[in-house]
Amino acid sequence: MERSYEMFKTDVTLIRELLEEREKEFFRAMEINETEENGKRKGIVNLLSRMIMKKYHKDVADYLKQCNEDELERISDLMNENASYESLIKQCMKK
């Protein structure tokens, strides 16, 4: 086994190929994670947009797309507290 390891250490081409493959796997994993995060965020934005449309009859989808996670969470909290639309705008939608 030790002999096989020594042969492996000296095979520069094999080591380079393995490192390139590991790098590709790493970047694929990062892309998958980023895609999942974007999908999750889009889902939250769509849900909040529909909830605001149903409750207040206002289309704020474009605004919500610009919000960060904390702002989206604050909007959701205010809706759960049954805040009026004016209160929602006053506390969250000013930019």
N, C-alpha and C. Protein backbone atom coordinates (compact mmCIF):
# COMPACT_ATOMS: atom_id res chain seq x y z
N MET A 1 0.83 -1.19 0.00
CA MET A 1 0.00 0.00 0.00
C MET A 1 0.88 1.25 0.00
N GLU A 2 1.91 1.24 0.80
CA GLU A 2 2.82 2.37 0.86
C GLU A 2 3.47 2.61 -0.49
N ARG A 3 3.75 1.54 -1.18
CA ARG A 3 4.37 1.63 -2.50
C ARG A 3 3.41 2.30 -3.49
N SER A 4 2.14 1.94 -3.42
CA SER A 4 1.14 2.55 -4.30
C SER A 4 1.03 4.04 -4.01
N TYR A 5 1.09 4.39 -2.75
CA TYR A 5 1.02 5.80 -2.37
C TYR A 5 2.20 6.58 -2.93
N GLU A 6 3.37 6.01 -2.87
CA GLU A 6 4.57 6.66 -3.41
C GLU A 6 4.44 6.88 -4.91
N MET A 7 3.89 5.90 -5.62
CA MET A 7 3.68 6.03 -7.07
C MET A 7 2.68 7.14 -7.35
N PHE A 8 1.65 7.19 -6.52
CA PHE A 8 0.62 8.21 -6.69
C PHE A 8 1.21 9.61 -6.49
N LYS A 9 2.05 9.78 -5.48
CA LYS A 9 2.64 11.08 -5.19
C LYS A 9 3.49 11.59 -6.34
N THR A 10 4.11 10.71 -7.06
CA THR A 10 5.01 11.13 -8.13
C THR A 10 4.29 11.35 -9.46
N ASP A 11 3.05 10.94 -9.58
CA ASP A 11 2.30 11.11 -10.83
C ASP A 11 1.64 12.49 -10.85
N VAL A 12 2.37 13.48 -11.34
CA VAL A 12 1.93 14.87 -11.34
C VAL A 12 0.66 15.05 -12.18
N THR A 13 0.58 14.39 -13.30
CA THR A 13 -0.59 14.51 -14.18
C THR A 13 -1.84 14.02 -13.45
N LEU A 14 -1.74 12.91 -12.78
CA LEU A 14 -2.87 12.36 -12.05
C LEU A 14 -3.28 13.30 -10.92
N ILE A 15 -2.31 13.82 -10.21
CA ILE A 15 -2.61 14.76 -9.12
C ILE A 15 -3.30 16.00 -9.67
N ARG A 16 -2.82 16.53 -10.78
CA ARG A 16 -3.42 17.71 -11.40
C ARG A 16 -4.87 17.42 -11.81
N GLU A 17 -5.10 16.28 -12.41
CA GLU A 17 -6.46 15.91 -12.82
C GLU A 17 -7.38 15.78 -11.62
N LEU A 18 -6.89 15.17 -10.56
CA LEU A 18 -7.70 15.03 -9.36
C LEU A 18 -8.02 16.39 -8.74
N LEU A 19 -7.04 17.27 -8.70
CA LEU A 19 -7.28 18.61 -8.17
C LEU A 19 -8.27 19.39 -9.02
N GLU A 20 -8.18 19.28 -10.32
CA GLU A 20 -9.12 19.95 -11.22
C GLU A 20 -10.54 19.41 -11.01
N GLU A 21 -10.65 18.11 -10.85
CA GLU A 21 -11.96 17.50 -10.61
C GLU A 21 -12.56 17.96 -9.29
N ARG A 22 -11.72 18.03 -8.26
CA ARG A 22 -12.19 18.51 -6.95
C ARG A 22 -12.65 19.98 -7.05
N GLU A 23 -11.93 20.78 -7.80
CA GLU A 23 -12.29 22.18 -7.98
C GLU A 23 -13.64 22.29 -8.70
N LYS A 24 -13.84 21.48 -9.74
CA LYS A 24 -15.12 21.48 -10.46
C LYS A 24 -16.26 21.08 -9.53
N GLU A 25 -16.04 20.05 -8.72
CA GLU A 25 -17.07 19.61 -7.77
C GLU A 25 -17.40 20.72 -6.78
N PHE A 26 -16.37 21.41 -6.30
CA PHE A 26 -16.57 22.49 -5.35
C PHE A 26 -17.44 23.59 -5.96
N PHE A 27 -17.11 24.01 -7.19
CA PHE A 27 -17.88 25.07 -7.83
C PHE A 27 -19.30 24.62 -8.19
N ARG A 28 -19.47 23.35 -8.55
CA ARG A 28 -20.82 22.83 -8.79
C ARG A 28 -21.65 22.89 -7.53
N ALA A 29 -21.05 22.51 -6.40
CA ALA A 29 -21.76 22.56 -5.12
C ALA A 29 -22.14 24.00 -4.76
N MET A 30 -21.23 24.94 -5.03
CA MET A 30 -21.53 26.35 -4.76
C MET A 30 -22.69 26.84 -5.63
N GLU A 31 -22.70 26.45 -6.90
CA GLU A 31 -23.78 26.85 -7.80
C GLU A 31 -25.11 26.29 -7.35
N ILE A 32 -25.11 25.04 -6.93
CA ILE A 32 -26.34 24.41 -6.45
C ILE A 32 -26.86 25.14 -5.22
N ASN A 33 -25.97 25.45 -4.30
CA ASN A 33 -26.36 26.16 -3.09
C ASN A 33 -26.92 27.54 -3.41
N GLU A 34 -26.26 28.26 -4.32
CA GLU A 34 -26.72 29.59 -4.72
C GLU A 34 -28.08 29.51 -5.40
N THR A 35 -28.27 28.51 -6.24
CA THR A 35 -29.55 28.33 -6.93
C THR A 35 -30.66 28.04 -5.93
N GLU A 36 -30.38 27.21 -4.94
CA GLU A 36 -31.37 26.91 -3.91
C GLU A 36 -31.73 28.15 -3.12
N GLU A 37 -30.74 28.96 -2.76
CA GLU A 37 -30.98 30.19 -2.01
C GLU A 37 -31.83 31.16 -2.83
N ASN A 38 -31.50 31.31 -4.11
CA ASN A 38 -32.28 32.20 -4.98
C ASN A 38 -33.71 31.70 -5.12
N GLY A 39 -33.88 30.40 -5.25
CA GLY A 39 -35.22 29.82 -5.35
C GLY A 39 -36.02 30.04 -4.08
N LYS A 40 -35.38 29.88 -2.94
CA LYS A 40 -36.03 30.09 -1.65
C LYS A 40 -36.46 31.55 -1.52
N ARG A 41 -35.56 32.46 -1.87
CA ARG A 41 -35.86 33.88 -1.79
C ARG A 41 -37.02 34.26 -2.70
N LYS A 42 -36.99 33.75 -3.93
CA LYS A 42 -38.08 34.04 -4.87
C LYS A 42 -39.41 33.52 -4.33
N GLY A 43 -39.38 32.36 -3.71
CA GLY A 43 -40.60 31.81 -3.12
C GLY A 43 -41.15 32.70 -2.02
N ILE A 44 -40.28 33.21 -1.17
CA ILE A 44 -40.70 34.10 -0.08
C ILE A 44 -41.28 35.38 -0.65
N VAL A 45 -40.59 35.95 -1.64
CA VAL A 45 -41.07 37.19 -2.27
C VAL A 45 -42.44 36.96 -2.91
N ASN A 46 -42.60 35.86 -3.62
CA ASN A 46 -43.89 35.57 -4.27
C ASN A 46 -45.00 35.38 -3.25
N LEU A 47 -44.70 34.66 -2.17
CA LEU A 47 -45.70 34.43 -1.13
C LEU A 47 -46.12 35.75 -0.47
N LEU A 48 -45.15 36.56 -0.08
CA LEU A 48 -45.49 37.84 0.54
C LEU A 48 -46.27 38.74 -0.43
N SER A 49 -45.87 38.73 -1.67
CA SER A 49 -46.56 39.53 -2.68
C SER A 49 -48.03 39.12 -2.79
N ARG A 50 -48.26 37.81 -2.85
CA ARG A 50 -49.65 37.33 -2.94
C ARG A 50 -50.44 37.65 -1.68
N MET A 51 -49.80 37.53 -0.53
CA MET A 51 -50.49 37.82 0.73
C MET A 51 -50.88 39.29 0.81
N ILE A 52 -49.98 40.18 0.40
CA ILE A 52 -50.27 41.61 0.41
C ILE A 52 -51.37 41.94 -0.59
N MET A 53 -51.32 41.29 -1.75
CA MET A 53 -52.35 41.52 -2.76
C MET A 53 -53.73 41.10 -2.23
N LYS A 54 -53.79 39.95 -1.56
CA LYS A 54 -55.07 39.47 -1.02
C LYS A 54 -55.57 40.33 0.13
N LYS A 55 -54.66 40.72 1.01
CA LYS A 55 -55.07 41.45 2.21
C LYS A 55 -55.31 42.93 1.95
N TYR A 56 -54.41 43.56 1.19
CA TYR A 56 -54.49 45.01 1.02
C TYR A 56 -54.88 45.43 -0.40
N HIS A 57 -54.92 44.48 -1.33
CA HIS A 57 -55.26 44.76 -2.73
C HIS A 57 -54.26 45.74 -3.36
N LYS A 58 -52.98 45.55 -3.02
CA LYS A 58 -51.90 46.38 -3.56
C LYS A 58 -50.83 45.47 -4.16
N ASP A 59 -50.30 45.88 -5.30
CA ASP A 59 -49.23 45.12 -5.95
C ASP A 59 -47.89 45.73 -5.55
N VAL A 60 -47.15 45.01 -4.73
CA VAL A 60 -45.84 45.50 -4.26
C VAL A 60 -44.72 44.54 -4.66
N ALA A 61 -44.95 43.73 -5.66
CA ALA A 61 -43.98 42.70 -6.06
C ALA A 61 -42.63 43.32 -6.43
N ASP A 62 -42.65 44.42 -7.16
CA ASP A 62 -41.39 45.05 -7.56
C ASP A 62 -40.60 45.55 -6.35
N TYR A 63 -41.30 46.09 -5.38
CA TYR A 63 -40.63 46.55 -4.17
C TYR A 63 -40.02 45.38 -3.40
N LEU A 64 -40.80 44.31 -3.24
CA LEU A 64 -40.33 43.16 -2.47
C LEU A 64 -39.08 42.52 -3.08
N LYS A 65 -38.97 42.57 -4.40
CA LYS A 65 -37.79 42.00 -5.06
C LYS A 65 -36.50 42.72 -4.66
N GLN A 66 -36.63 43.96 -4.23
CA GLN A 66 -35.46 44.76 -3.84
C GLN A 66 -35.11 44.60 -2.36
N CYS A 67 -35.98 44.00 -1.58
CA CYS A 67 -35.77 43.89 -0.13
C CYS A 67 -34.76 42.81 0.21
N ASN A 68 -34.06 43.01 1.31
CA ASN A 68 -33.17 41.97 1.81
C ASN A 68 -33.96 41.04 2.74
N GLU A 69 -33.32 40.01 3.24
CA GLU A 69 -34.01 39.02 4.08
C GLU A 69 -34.63 39.63 5.33
N ASP A 70 -33.91 40.53 5.98
CA ASP A 70 -34.42 41.15 7.20
C ASP A 70 -35.68 41.98 6.92
N GLU A 71 -35.67 42.69 5.83
CA GLU A 71 -36.84 43.50 5.47
C GLU A 71 -38.04 42.61 5.16
N LEU A 72 -37.80 41.52 4.44
CA LEU A 72 -38.89 40.60 4.12
C LEU A 72 -39.46 40.00 5.40
N GLU A 73 -38.59 39.66 6.33
CA GLU A 73 -39.05 39.09 7.60
C GLU A 73 -39.87 40.11 8.38
N ARG A 74 -39.42 41.37 8.38
CA ARG A 74 -40.14 42.43 9.09
C ARG A 74 -41.53 42.64 8.48
N ILE A 75 -41.62 42.62 7.17
CA ILE A 75 -42.92 42.76 6.50
C ILE A 75 -43.83 41.61 6.89
N SER A 76 -43.29 40.41 6.89
CA SER A 76 -44.07 39.24 7.28
C SER A 76 -44.57 39.36 8.73
N ASP A 77 -43.67 39.82 9.62
CA ASP A 77 -44.05 40.00 11.03
C ASP A 77 -45.18 41.02 11.17
N LEU A 78 -45.08 42.12 10.45
CA LEU A 78 -46.12 43.14 10.52
C LEU A 78 -47.46 42.61 10.01
N MET A 79 -47.40 41.81 8.97
CA MET A 79 -48.65 41.22 8.46
C MET A 79 -49.26 40.27 9.48
N ASN A 80 -48.40 39.52 10.16
CA ASN A 80 -48.90 38.60 11.19
C ASN A 80 -49.48 39.35 12.38
N GLU A 81 -48.98 40.57 12.61
CA GLU A 81 -49.51 41.41 13.68
C GLU A 81 -50.78 42.14 13.24
N ASN A 82 -51.21 41.89 12.01
CA ASN A 82 -52.41 42.48 11.43
C ASN A 82 -52.28 44.00 11.30
N ALA A 83 -51.12 44.46 10.90
CA ALA A 83 -50.89 45.89 10.70
C ALA A 83 -51.66 46.40 9.49
N SER A 84 -52.04 47.66 9.55
CA SER A 84 -52.72 48.27 8.41
C SER A 84 -51.70 48.49 7.30
N TYR A 85 -52.21 48.70 6.09
CA TYR A 85 -51.31 48.93 4.97
C TYR A 85 -50.48 50.19 5.19
N GLU A 86 -51.10 51.22 5.72
CA GLU A 86 -50.39 52.47 5.99
C GLU A 86 -49.24 52.23 6.98
N SER A 87 -49.50 51.45 8.00
CA SER A 87 -48.47 51.12 8.99
C SER A 87 -47.35 50.30 8.35
N LEU A 88 -47.73 49.38 7.49
CA LEU A 88 -46.76 48.55 6.78
C LEU A 88 -45.84 49.43 5.93
N ILE A 89 -46.42 50.37 5.23
CA ILE A 89 -45.64 51.28 4.39
C ILE A 89 -44.74 52.15 5.26
N LYS A 90 -45.31 52.69 6.30
CA LYS A 90 -44.55 53.59 7.18
C LYS A 90 -43.35 52.90 7.79
N GLN A 91 -43.50 51.65 8.20
CA GLN A 91 -42.42 50.96 8.91
C GLN A 91 -41.44 50.24 8.00
N CYS A 92 -41.89 49.85 6.81
CA CYS A 92 -41.01 49.00 5.99
C CYS A 92 -40.75 49.50 4.58
N MET A 93 -41.69 50.12 3.98
CA MET A 93 -41.59 50.36 2.55
C MET A 93 -41.05 51.73 2.18
N LYS A 94 -40.43 52.41 3.12
CA LYS A 94 -39.80 53.69 2.79
C LYS A 94 -38.36 53.44 2.41
N LYS A 95 -37.95 53.95 1.30
CA LYS A 95 -36.56 53.82 0.85
C LYS A 95 -36.10 55.12 0.25
